[in-house]
Amino acid sequence: MRGNELFAEFKGALTEQFVLQQLLACLGSQPFYWSADQSSAEVDFVLQLDDQIVPLEVKAAENLQSKSLKSY
């Protein structure tokens, strides 16, 4: 009933959920989440691929700053 308004309001959460479902289906491993102790920095997903740790920040809009990823 609200049309596209709902997608605009929850675009970030829907995008993160989509990425999570794809990670689980394609990699079969459980991703982790990271947040800094003393700030609002956070990384959406942290994956272990073989012997590598890979941080993954999901953006639903064009945002090239990614300050949390730099902090990580």
Protein backbone atom coordinates (compact mmCIF):
# COMPACT_ATOMS: atom_id res chain seq x y z
CA MET A 1 0.00 0.00 0.00
CA ARG A 2 2.95 2.33 0.54
CA GLY A 3 4.54 1.59 -2.84
CA ASN A 4 8.26 2.32 -3.25
CA GLU A 5 8.36 4.38 -0.04
CA LEU A 6 9.07 1.23 1.96
CA PHE A 7 12.04 0.33 -0.25
CA ALA A 8 13.50 3.81 0.06
CA GLU A 9 13.15 3.79 3.85
CA PHE A 10 14.75 0.37 4.39
CA LYS A 11 17.07 0.26 1.37
CA GLY A 12 20.23 -0.26 3.47
CA ALA A 13 18.78 -3.08 5.56
CA LEU A 14 17.34 -4.84 2.51
CA THR A 15 20.68 -4.57 0.70
CA GLU A 16 22.60 -6.00 3.68
CA GLN A 17 20.09 -8.86 3.98
CA PHE A 18 20.44 -9.67 0.28
CA VAL A 19 24.25 -9.72 0.53
CA LEU A 20 24.08 -11.94 3.63
CA GLN A 21 21.82 -14.45 1.87
CA GLN A 22 24.19 -14.57 -1.11
CA LEU A 23 27.25 -15.03 1.12
CA LEU A 24 25.60 -17.91 2.97
CA ALA A 25 24.42 -19.57 -0.25
CA CYS A 26 27.66 -19.15 -2.21
CA LEU A 27 30.34 -19.51 0.47
CA GLY A 28 28.61 -21.69 3.02
CA SER A 29 30.51 -19.99 5.84
CA GLN A 30 29.24 -17.78 8.62
CA PRO A 31 30.28 -14.14 8.25
CA PHE A 32 31.13 -12.07 11.32
CA TYR A 33 30.48 -8.44 12.24
CA TRP A 34 33.02 -5.93 13.55
CA SER A 35 32.55 -2.73 15.52
CA ALA A 36 35.04 -0.44 17.23
CA ASP A 37 34.96 -0.21 21.02
CA GLN A 38 35.07 3.57 21.37
CA SER A 39 33.40 4.83 18.18
CA SER A 40 30.52 4.22 15.82
CA ALA A 41 32.72 2.45 13.25
CA GLU A 42 31.38 -0.88 12.03
CA VAL A 43 32.02 -3.32 9.20
CA ASP A 44 28.98 -5.22 7.95
CA PHE A 45 30.67 -8.54 7.23
CA VAL A 46 34.06 -10.04 8.05
CA LEU A 47 34.78 -13.28 6.22
CA GLN A 48 37.49 -15.87 6.48
CA LEU A 49 38.41 -17.21 3.06
CA ASP A 50 41.08 -19.87 3.41
CA ASP A 51 43.88 -18.11 5.31
CA GLN A 52 42.68 -14.57 4.55
CA ILE A 53 40.41 -12.26 6.57
CA VAL A 54 38.25 -10.14 4.27
CA PRO A 55 36.20 -7.15 5.50
CA LEU A 56 33.13 -6.36 3.42
CA GLU A 57 31.20 -3.10 3.72
CA VAL A 58 27.79 -3.04 2.01
CA LYS A 59 26.40 0.22 0.67
CA ALA A 60 22.92 0.70 -0.77
CA ALA A 61 23.75 4.13 -2.16
CA GLU A 62 26.72 5.73 -3.81
CA ASN A 63 28.98 6.40 -0.84
CA LEU A 64 32.67 6.19 -1.52
CA GLN A 65 33.80 7.35 1.93
CA SER A 66 33.65 4.04 3.82
CA LYS A 67 35.17 5.55 6.96
CA SER A 68 34.44 2.40 8.98
CA LEU A 69 36.38 0.23 6.56
CA LYS A 70 39.36 2.57 6.82
CA SER A 71 39.11 2.41 10.61
CA TYR A 72 39.05 -1.39 10.52
